[in-house]
Amino acid sequence: MYARPPHLATDEALVIDALKDLLRTLQAEGETPEWVILLEPTCPLRTPNDVRNCLKLVAQGGYDSVATFKEAELNPHRAWRIVNGSPEVFIPGAVPWLPRQKLPKAHQLNGAVYVFRASLLAQEVRSLLVGKLGAVLMPRERSRDIDDSVDFIIVEALLKKSNP
């Protein structure tokens, strides 16, 4: 079992730094993993097939890293920023008033599954997605990421509904 050092177990700590520490620990113990699979506990609705789909994509597509995505909850063309009390579109030139069907498709990481080549993570990178990237799409209903108590209530209700 790997226990993160206290400075890597804070709210401000980055997952990538904990993973790099884990890789250094494994190497010090004589282990040299080729691949890392990260299954974050905050995305509990993933299935074994979601993990398999990521592994298949790595194997068949020659990817260096693969992650799961969902359709974006907010299309970035509809995002705003507030500057000195005034709203302005987040993406210069975006027209947030277009019908949803006319906006470009947008996706976001859902945090369910990450698979990546360990040797690339050991380099000075700040991202879990490195090298040749692949994406596996997951449905919205299984892409819930628990960030707060409202998310927890939603996931709990979805689990109760699927396991009466």
N, C-alpha and C. Protein backbone atom coordinates (compact mmCIF):
# COMPACT_ATOMS: atom_id res chain seq x y z
N MET A 1 0.83 -1.18 0.00
CA MET A 1 0.00 0.00 0.00
C MET A 1 0.88 1.25 0.00
N TYR A 2 0.45 2.24 -0.73
CA TYR A 2 1.17 3.50 -0.83
C TYR A 2 0.43 4.56 -0.02
N ALA A 3 1.10 5.17 0.92
CA ALA A 3 0.52 6.28 1.69
C ALA A 3 1.20 7.56 1.23
N ARG A 4 0.41 8.51 0.75
CA ARG A 4 0.97 9.78 0.30
C ARG A 4 1.59 10.54 1.46
N PRO A 5 2.69 11.22 1.20
CA PRO A 5 3.24 12.10 2.23
C PRO A 5 2.21 13.20 2.55
N PRO A 6 2.23 13.74 3.76
CA PRO A 6 1.23 14.74 4.15
C PRO A 6 1.11 15.92 3.19
N HIS A 7 2.24 16.40 2.63
CA HIS A 7 2.16 17.56 1.74
C HIS A 7 1.48 17.24 0.40
N LEU A 8 1.31 15.95 0.08
CA LEU A 8 0.62 15.55 -1.14
C LEU A 8 -0.80 15.08 -0.86
N ALA A 9 -1.26 15.26 0.37
CA ALA A 9 -2.60 14.82 0.76
C ALA A 9 -3.46 16.00 1.22
N THR A 10 -3.20 17.17 0.66
CA THR A 10 -3.97 18.36 1.01
C THR A 10 -4.96 18.69 -0.11
N ASP A 11 -5.87 19.61 0.16
CA ASP A 11 -6.82 20.04 -0.86
C ASP A 11 -6.13 20.74 -2.03
N GLU A 12 -4.96 21.31 -1.77
CA GLU A 12 -4.24 22.03 -2.82
C GLU A 12 -3.28 21.14 -3.61
N ALA A 13 -3.02 19.95 -3.10
CA ALA A 13 -2.06 19.04 -3.76
C ALA A 13 -2.64 18.57 -5.10
N LEU A 14 -1.75 18.41 -6.07
CA LEU A 14 -2.15 17.93 -7.38
C LEU A 14 -1.98 16.41 -7.46
N VAL A 15 -2.93 15.77 -8.12
CA VAL A 15 -2.86 14.31 -8.30
C VAL A 15 -1.57 13.92 -9.00
N ILE A 16 -1.16 14.70 -9.99
CA ILE A 16 0.04 14.37 -10.76
C ILE A 16 1.28 14.31 -9.86
N ASP A 17 1.35 15.19 -8.86
CA ASP A 17 2.49 15.18 -7.95
C ASP A 17 2.49 13.93 -7.08
N ALA A 18 1.31 13.49 -6.64
CA ALA A 18 1.21 12.25 -5.87
C ALA A 18 1.60 11.05 -6.73
N LEU A 19 1.19 11.05 -7.99
CA LEU A 19 1.55 9.95 -8.89
C LEU A 19 3.05 9.91 -9.16
N LYS A 20 3.65 11.07 -9.34
CA LYS A 20 5.10 11.12 -9.56
C LYS A 20 5.84 10.60 -8.32
N ASP A 21 5.33 10.95 -7.13
CA ASP A 21 5.93 10.45 -5.90
C ASP A 21 5.78 8.93 -5.81
N LEU A 22 4.61 8.42 -6.18
CA LEU A 22 4.38 6.98 -6.19
C LEU A 22 5.36 6.28 -7.14
N LEU A 23 5.55 6.84 -8.33
CA LEU A 23 6.49 6.24 -9.29
C LEU A 23 7.91 6.22 -8.74
N ARG A 24 8.33 7.30 -8.08
CA ARG A 24 9.67 7.33 -7.46
C ARG A 24 9.78 6.26 -6.37
N THR A 25 8.73 6.11 -5.58
CA THR A 25 8.71 5.10 -4.52
C THR A 25 8.82 3.70 -5.11
N LEU A 26 8.05 3.42 -6.16
CA LEU A 26 8.09 2.11 -6.81
C LEU A 26 9.48 1.83 -7.39
N GLN A 27 10.07 2.84 -8.03
CA GLN A 27 11.40 2.66 -8.61
C GLN A 27 12.44 2.40 -7.53
N ALA A 28 12.30 3.06 -6.39
CA ALA A 28 13.23 2.82 -5.28
C ALA A 28 13.09 1.41 -4.74
N GLU A 29 11.92 0.81 -4.93
CA GLU A 29 11.67 -0.58 -4.50
C GLU A 29 11.98 -1.58 -5.61
N GLY A 30 12.52 -1.09 -6.72
CA GLY A 30 12.90 -1.99 -7.82
C GLY A 30 11.80 -2.26 -8.82
N GLU A 31 10.70 -1.55 -8.74
CA GLU A 31 9.59 -1.73 -9.68
C GLU A 31 9.64 -0.64 -10.74
N THR A 32 9.40 -1.03 -11.98
CA THR A 32 9.36 -0.05 -13.06
C THR A 32 8.09 -0.30 -13.88
N PRO A 33 6.98 0.30 -13.48
CA PRO A 33 5.74 0.07 -14.22
C PRO A 33 5.80 0.71 -15.61
N GLU A 34 5.19 0.05 -16.57
CA GLU A 34 5.11 0.62 -17.91
C GLU A 34 3.89 1.53 -18.04
N TRP A 35 2.80 1.15 -17.38
CA TRP A 35 1.54 1.87 -17.48
C TRP A 35 1.00 2.19 -16.10
N VAL A 36 0.25 3.27 -16.01
CA VAL A 36 -0.45 3.65 -14.79
C VAL A 36 -1.92 3.77 -15.16
N ILE A 37 -2.78 3.19 -14.32
CA ILE A 37 -4.23 3.35 -14.46
C ILE A 37 -4.71 4.06 -13.21
N LEU A 38 -5.33 5.20 -13.41
CA LEU A 38 -5.84 5.99 -12.29
C LEU A 38 -7.36 5.94 -12.32
N LEU A 39 -7.93 5.44 -11.22
CA LEU A 39 -9.38 5.39 -11.05
C LEU A 39 -9.71 6.25 -9.84
N GLU A 40 -10.09 7.48 -10.08
CA GLU A 40 -10.34 8.38 -8.96
C GLU A 40 -11.63 7.97 -8.24
N PRO A 41 -11.59 7.96 -6.91
CA PRO A 41 -12.77 7.52 -6.14
C PRO A 41 -13.95 8.48 -6.24
N THR A 42 -13.71 9.69 -6.73
CA THR A 42 -14.80 10.67 -6.83
C THR A 42 -15.70 10.44 -8.04
N CYS A 43 -15.41 9.43 -8.84
CA CYS A 43 -16.25 9.10 -10.01
C CYS A 43 -16.66 7.62 -9.90
N PRO A 44 -17.56 7.31 -8.96
CA PRO A 44 -17.86 5.91 -8.64
C PRO A 44 -18.80 5.19 -9.60
N LEU A 45 -19.35 5.85 -10.59
CA LEU A 45 -20.32 5.20 -11.47
C LEU A 45 -19.70 4.58 -12.71
N ARG A 46 -18.38 4.65 -12.82
CA ARG A 46 -17.73 3.99 -13.97
C ARG A 46 -17.94 2.48 -13.84
N THR A 47 -17.82 1.79 -14.96
CA THR A 47 -17.99 0.34 -14.97
C THR A 47 -16.67 -0.32 -15.39
N PRO A 48 -16.55 -1.61 -15.16
CA PRO A 48 -15.36 -2.31 -15.67
C PRO A 48 -15.19 -2.14 -17.19
N ASN A 49 -16.31 -2.03 -17.91
CA ASN A 49 -16.21 -1.82 -19.36
C ASN A 49 -15.59 -0.48 -19.71
N ASP A 50 -15.81 0.54 -18.90
CA ASP A 50 -15.18 1.84 -19.16
C ASP A 50 -13.66 1.70 -19.08
N VAL A 51 -13.19 0.95 -18.08
CA VAL A 51 -11.75 0.71 -17.94
C VAL A 51 -11.24 -0.12 -19.11
N ARG A 52 -11.98 -1.18 -19.44
CA ARG A 52 -11.58 -2.02 -20.58
C ARG A 52 -11.50 -1.22 -21.88
N ASN A 53 -12.47 -0.33 -22.09
CA ASN A 53 -12.47 0.48 -23.32
C ASN A 53 -11.24 1.36 -23.40
N CYS A 54 -10.80 1.88 -22.28
CA CYS A 54 -9.58 2.69 -22.27
C CYS A 54 -8.36 1.82 -22.58
N LEU A 55 -8.29 0.66 -21.97
CA LEU A 55 -7.16 -0.24 -22.20
C LEU A 55 -7.14 -0.73 -23.65
N LYS A 56 -8.31 -1.03 -24.21
CA LYS A 56 -8.38 -1.44 -25.62
C LYS A 56 -7.88 -0.33 -26.54
N LEU A 57 -8.27 0.89 -26.24
CA LEU A 57 -7.85 2.01 -27.08
C LEU A 57 -6.34 2.20 -27.02
N VAL A 58 -5.75 2.05 -25.84
CA VAL A 58 -4.29 2.14 -25.71
C VAL A 58 -3.64 1.05 -26.55
N ALA A 59 -4.14 -0.17 -26.42
CA ALA A 59 -3.54 -1.31 -27.11
C ALA A 59 -3.71 -1.24 -28.62
N GLN A 60 -4.89 -0.86 -29.07
CA GLN A 60 -5.18 -0.87 -30.50
C GLN A 60 -4.74 0.38 -31.22
N GLY A 61 -4.71 1.51 -30.52
CA GLY A 61 -4.44 2.77 -31.20
C GLY A 61 -3.04 3.31 -31.00
N GLY A 62 -2.22 2.61 -30.21
CA GLY A 62 -0.87 3.08 -29.98
C GLY A 62 -0.82 4.41 -29.24
N TYR A 63 -1.78 4.64 -28.36
CA TYR A 63 -1.81 5.90 -27.61
C TYR A 63 -0.86 5.85 -26.41
N ASP A 64 -0.40 7.02 -26.00
CA ASP A 64 0.43 7.15 -24.80
C ASP A 64 -0.43 7.41 -23.57
N SER A 65 -1.59 8.00 -23.78
CA SER A 65 -2.51 8.23 -22.68
C SER A 65 -3.94 8.29 -23.21
N VAL A 66 -4.85 7.80 -22.37
CA VAL A 66 -6.27 7.77 -22.71
C VAL A 66 -7.03 8.17 -21.46
N ALA A 67 -8.11 8.91 -21.64
CA ALA A 67 -8.95 9.28 -20.52
C ALA A 67 -10.41 9.24 -20.95
N THR A 68 -11.29 9.22 -19.96
CA THR A 68 -12.72 9.23 -20.23
C THR A 68 -13.25 10.66 -20.22
N PHE A 69 -14.20 10.90 -21.12
CA PHE A 69 -14.81 12.21 -21.30
C PHE A 69 -16.32 12.07 -21.35
N LYS A 70 -16.99 13.18 -21.15
CA LYS A 70 -18.44 13.27 -21.34
C LYS A 70 -18.72 14.54 -22.13
N GLU A 71 -19.93 14.64 -22.66
CA GLU A 71 -20.31 15.88 -23.32
C GLU A 71 -20.26 17.00 -22.28
N ALA A 72 -19.75 18.16 -22.66
CA ALA A 72 -19.58 19.26 -21.72
C ALA A 72 -20.93 19.72 -21.17
N GLU A 73 -20.95 19.95 -19.87
CA GLU A 73 -22.17 20.45 -19.23
C GLU A 73 -22.46 21.88 -19.69
N LEU A 74 -21.43 22.65 -19.91
CA LEU A 74 -21.57 24.00 -20.43
C LEU A 74 -20.64 24.13 -21.63
N ASN A 75 -21.22 24.38 -22.77
CA ASN A 75 -20.39 24.60 -23.95
C ASN A 75 -19.55 25.85 -23.72
N PRO A 76 -18.24 25.79 -23.95
CA PRO A 76 -17.39 26.96 -23.69
C PRO A 76 -17.79 28.20 -24.47
N HIS A 77 -18.53 28.04 -25.56
CA HIS A 77 -19.00 29.19 -26.33
C HIS A 77 -20.12 29.94 -25.60
N ARG A 78 -20.65 29.32 -24.54
CA ARG A 78 -21.68 29.97 -23.74
C ARG A 78 -21.15 30.46 -22.39
N ALA A 79 -19.85 30.34 -22.17
CA ALA A 79 -19.25 30.75 -20.90
C ALA A 79 -18.95 32.25 -20.90
N TRP A 80 -19.03 32.84 -19.74
CA TRP A 80 -18.77 34.27 -19.55
C TRP A 80 -17.76 34.45 -18.44
N ARG A 81 -17.10 35.59 -18.44
CA ARG A 81 -16.26 35.99 -17.32
C ARG A 81 -16.73 37.38 -16.91
N ILE A 82 -16.57 37.69 -15.65
CA ILE A 82 -16.95 39.00 -15.15
C ILE A 82 -15.66 39.79 -14.93
N VAL A 83 -15.51 40.89 -15.63
CA VAL A 83 -14.33 41.75 -15.54
C VAL A 83 -14.77 43.11 -15.04
N ASN A 84 -14.28 43.48 -13.86
CA ASN A 84 -14.65 44.76 -13.25
C ASN A 84 -16.16 44.96 -13.22
N GLY A 85 -16.88 43.88 -12.89
CA GLY A 85 -18.33 43.96 -12.76
C GLY A 85 -19.11 43.85 -14.05
N SER A 86 -18.42 43.71 -15.19
CA SER A 86 -19.11 43.61 -16.49
C SER A 86 -18.89 42.24 -17.11
N PRO A 87 -19.96 41.62 -17.62
CA PRO A 87 -19.80 40.32 -18.27
C PRO A 87 -19.21 40.46 -19.68
N GLU A 88 -18.35 39.52 -20.04
CA GLU A 88 -17.85 39.43 -21.41
C GLU A 88 -17.69 37.96 -21.74
N VAL A 89 -17.85 37.64 -23.04
CA VAL A 89 -17.76 36.23 -23.43
C VAL A 89 -16.36 35.72 -23.10
N PHE A 90 -16.31 34.47 -22.69
CA PHE A 90 -15.05 33.87 -22.27
C PHE A 90 -14.14 33.62 -23.46
N ILE A 91 -14.73 33.19 -24.58
CA ILE A 91 -13.96 32.95 -25.80
C ILE A 91 -14.20 34.14 -26.73
N PRO A 92 -13.15 34.91 -27.02
CA PRO A 92 -13.33 36.08 -27.90
C PRO A 92 -13.97 35.67 -29.23
N GLY A 93 -14.99 36.41 -29.60
CA GLY A 93 -15.68 36.13 -30.86
C GLY A 93 -16.81 35.12 -30.75
N ALA A 94 -16.96 34.47 -29.60
CA ALA A 94 -18.03 33.49 -29.44
C ALA A 94 -19.38 34.18 -29.43
N VAL A 95 -20.38 33.49 -29.95
CA VAL A 95 -21.75 34.01 -29.95
C VAL A 95 -22.58 33.07 -29.05
N PRO A 96 -22.73 33.43 -27.77
CA PRO A 96 -23.40 32.54 -26.83
C PRO A 96 -24.89 32.38 -27.09
N TRP A 97 -25.46 33.18 -27.99
CA TRP A 97 -26.89 33.14 -28.25
C TRP A 97 -27.27 32.12 -29.33
N LEU A 98 -26.28 31.50 -29.95
CA LEU A 98 -26.60 30.51 -30.99
C LEU A 98 -27.37 29.34 -30.39
N PRO A 99 -28.26 28.72 -31.17
CA PRO A 99 -28.92 27.51 -30.67
C PRO A 99 -27.88 26.42 -30.38
N ARG A 100 -28.17 25.62 -29.40
CA ARG A 100 -27.27 24.54 -28.98
C ARG A 100 -26.79 23.71 -30.17
N GLN A 101 -27.69 23.45 -31.11
CA GLN A 101 -27.36 22.61 -32.26
C GLN A 101 -26.34 23.25 -33.19
N LYS A 102 -26.18 24.56 -33.12
CA LYS A 102 -25.22 25.26 -34.00
C LYS A 102 -23.87 25.49 -33.34
N LEU A 103 -23.76 25.16 -32.06
CA LEU A 103 -22.48 25.31 -31.37
C LEU A 103 -21.58 24.12 -31.69
N PRO A 104 -20.27 24.30 -31.69
CA PRO A 104 -19.39 23.14 -31.89
C PRO A 104 -19.52 22.17 -30.72
N LYS A 105 -19.37 20.90 -30.99
CA LYS A 105 -19.41 19.89 -29.91
C LYS A 105 -18.29 20.17 -28.94
N ALA A 106 -18.59 20.02 -27.66
CA ALA A 106 -17.58 20.23 -26.63
C ALA A 106 -17.66 19.09 -25.63
N HIS A 107 -16.51 18.67 -25.14
CA HIS A 107 -16.43 17.58 -24.17
C HIS A 107 -15.56 18.01 -23.00
N GLN A 108 -15.73 17.32 -21.89
CA GLN A 108 -14.90 17.59 -20.72
C GLN A 108 -14.49 16.27 -20.09
N LEU A 109 -13.33 16.31 -19.44
CA LEU A 109 -12.89 15.14 -18.68
C LEU A 109 -13.94 14.84 -17.62
N ASN A 110 -14.19 13.55 -17.37
CA ASN A 110 -15.14 13.21 -16.31
C ASN A 110 -14.46 12.61 -15.09
N GLY A 111 -13.16 12.37 -15.14
CA GLY A 111 -12.42 11.89 -13.98
C GLY A 111 -12.60 10.41 -13.66
N ALA A 112 -13.23 9.66 -14.55
CA ALA A 112 -13.50 8.24 -14.25
C ALA A 112 -12.27 7.35 -14.44
N VAL A 113 -11.60 7.46 -15.59
CA VAL A 113 -10.48 6.57 -15.91
C VAL A 113 -9.39 7.35 -16.63
N TYR A 114 -8.17 7.14 -16.19
CA TYR A 114 -6.99 7.66 -16.89
C TYR A 114 -6.02 6.50 -17.04
N VAL A 115 -5.48 6.33 -18.23
CA VAL A 115 -4.43 5.34 -18.48
C VAL A 115 -3.31 6.10 -19.18
N PHE A 116 -2.09 5.95 -18.67
CA PHE A 116 -0.99 6.66 -19.30
C PHE A 116 0.32 5.92 -19.11
N ARG A 117 1.22 6.19 -20.04
CA ARG A 117 2.54 5.59 -20.03
C ARG A 117 3.35 6.20 -18.89
N ALA A 118 3.83 5.37 -17.98
CA ALA A 118 4.53 5.86 -16.78
C ALA A 118 5.78 6.66 -17.11
N SER A 119 6.50 6.26 -18.14
CA SER A 119 7.75 6.96 -18.47
C SER A 119 7.51 8.41 -18.87
N LEU A 120 6.36 8.69 -19.49
CA LEU A 120 6.06 10.06 -19.89
C LEU A 120 5.66 10.91 -18.69
N LEU A 121 5.03 10.28 -17.71
CA LEU A 121 4.64 11.01 -16.51
C LEU A 121 5.86 11.41 -15.70
N ALA A 122 6.91 10.61 -15.76
CA ALA A 122 8.12 10.89 -15.01
C ALA A 122 8.82 12.15 -15.51
N GLN A 123 8.52 12.56 -16.74
CA GLN A 123 9.12 13.78 -17.28
C GLN A 123 8.49 15.00 -16.61
N GLU A 124 9.02 16.15 -16.90
CA GLU A 124 8.51 17.39 -16.30
C GLU A 124 7.23 17.83 -17.00
N VAL A 125 6.16 17.12 -16.77
CA VAL A 125 4.86 17.49 -17.33
C VAL A 125 3.92 17.84 -16.19
N ARG A 126 2.90 18.60 -16.48
CA ARG A 126 1.90 18.99 -15.47
C ARG A 126 0.54 18.43 -15.83
N SER A 127 0.49 17.45 -16.72
CA SER A 127 -0.77 16.91 -17.18
C SER A 127 -0.75 15.39 -17.14
N LEU A 128 -1.91 14.79 -16.88
CA LEU A 128 -2.03 13.33 -16.95
C LEU A 128 -2.18 12.87 -18.39
N LEU A 129 -2.54 13.77 -19.27
CA LEU A 129 -2.67 13.44 -20.68
C LEU A 129 -1.41 13.89 -21.40
N VAL A 130 -0.60 12.91 -21.78
CA VAL A 130 0.70 13.19 -22.38
C VAL A 130 0.87 12.37 -23.65
N GLY A 131 1.73 12.84 -24.54
CA GLY A 131 2.03 12.09 -25.76
C GLY A 131 0.83 12.05 -26.69
N LYS A 132 0.67 10.93 -27.38
CA LYS A 132 -0.47 10.73 -28.28
C LYS A 132 -1.70 10.43 -27.44
N LEU A 133 -2.73 11.28 -27.55
CA LEU A 133 -3.90 11.22 -26.67
C LEU A 133 -5.07 10.50 -27.31
N GLY A 134 -5.79 9.74 -26.48
CA GLY A 134 -7.02 9.08 -26.90
C GLY A 134 -8.14 9.39 -25.93
N ALA A 135 -9.37 9.34 -26.43
CA ALA A 135 -10.54 9.64 -25.60
C ALA A 135 -11.57 8.53 -25.70
N VAL A 136 -12.14 8.19 -24.56
CA VAL A 136 -13.27 7.27 -24.49
C VAL A 136 -14.45 8.07 -23.95
N LEU A 137 -15.56 8.06 -24.68
CA LEU A 137 -16.73 8.80 -24.25
C LEU A 137 -17.59 7.94 -23.33
N MET A 138 -18.07 8.57 -22.27
CA MET A 138 -18.99 7.91 -21.34
C MET A 138 -20.29 8.69 -21.31
N PRO A 139 -21.40 8.01 -21.02
CA PRO A 139 -22.67 8.72 -20.96
C PRO A 139 -22.74 9.64 -19.73
N ARG A 140 -23.54 10.66 -19.86
CA ARG A 140 -23.69 11.66 -18.80
C ARG A 140 -24.09 11.03 -17.47
N GLU A 141 -25.02 10.06 -17.52
CA GLU A 141 -25.54 9.50 -16.27
C GLU A 141 -24.50 8.72 -15.46
N ARG A 142 -23.42 8.29 -16.08
CA ARG A 142 -22.36 7.59 -15.34
C ARG A 142 -21.11 8.46 -15.19
N SER A 143 -21.21 9.71 -15.56
CA SER A 143 -20.06 10.61 -15.52
C SER A 143 -20.12 11.59 -14.36
N ARG A 144 -20.81 11.23 -13.32
CA ARG A 144 -20.92 12.12 -12.17
C ARG A 144 -19.61 12.12 -11.38
N ASP A 145 -19.10 13.30 -11.09
CA ASP A 145 -17.88 13.46 -10.32
C ASP A 145 -18.28 14.12 -8.99
N ILE A 146 -17.93 13.51 -7.89
CA ILE A 146 -18.34 14.02 -6.58
C ILE A 146 -17.33 15.07 -6.11
N ASP A 147 -17.78 16.33 -6.14
CA ASP A 147 -16.95 17.45 -5.69
C ASP A 147 -17.52 18.11 -4.44
N ASP A 148 -18.81 17.87 -4.17
CA ASP A 148 -19.43 18.50 -3.00
C ASP A 148 -20.61 17.66 -2.53
N SER A 149 -21.30 18.13 -1.50
CA SER A 149 -22.38 17.35 -0.90
C SER A 149 -23.56 17.18 -1.85
N VAL A 150 -23.81 18.14 -2.74
CA VAL A 150 -24.90 18.01 -3.71
C VAL A 150 -24.58 16.88 -4.69
N ASP A 151 -23.35 16.83 -5.18
CA ASP A 151 -22.93 15.74 -6.07
C ASP A 151 -23.09 14.39 -5.38
N PHE A 152 -22.74 14.34 -4.09
CA PHE A 152 -22.86 13.08 -3.33
C PHE A 152 -24.32 12.63 -3.28
N ILE A 153 -25.23 13.54 -3.02
CA ILE A 153 -26.66 13.22 -2.95
C ILE A 153 -27.15 12.70 -4.31
N ILE A 154 -26.71 13.34 -5.39
CA ILE A 154 -27.12 12.91 -6.73
C ILE A 154 -26.61 11.51 -7.04
N VAL A 155 -25.33 11.25 -6.74
CA VAL A 155 -24.76 9.92 -7.00
C VAL A 155 -25.46 8.87 -6.14
N GLU A 156 -25.71 9.19 -4.89
CA GLU A 156 -26.39 8.27 -3.99
C GLU A 156 -27.78 7.93 -4.54
N ALA A 157 -28.52 8.93 -5.05
CA ALA A 157 -29.84 8.69 -5.62
C ALA A 157 -29.75 7.83 -6.89
N LEU A 158 -28.74 8.10 -7.73
CA LEU A 158 -28.57 7.29 -8.94
C LEU A 158 -28.25 5.84 -8.59
N LEU A 159 -27.42 5.63 -7.57
CA LEU A 159 -27.09 4.27 -7.15
C LEU A 159 -28.32 3.55 -6.58
N LYS A 160 -29.13 4.25 -5.79
CA LYS A 160 -30.35 3.64 -5.24
C LYS A 160 -31.32 3.28 -6.35
N LYS A 161 -31.41 4.14 -7.37
CA LYS A 161 -32.32 3.89 -8.49
C LYS A 161 -31.87 2.67 -9.29
N SER A 162 -30.55 2.51 -9.47
CA SER A 162 -30.06 1.38 -10.28
C SER A 162 -29.95 0.09 -9.46
N ASN A 163 -29.98 0.19 -8.14
CA ASN A 163 -29.91 -1.00 -7.26
C ASN A 163 -31.05 -0.94 -6.24
N PRO A 164 -32.30 -1.14 -6.67
CA PRO A 164 -33.43 -0.99 -5.73
C PRO A 164 -33.43 -2.03 -4.63
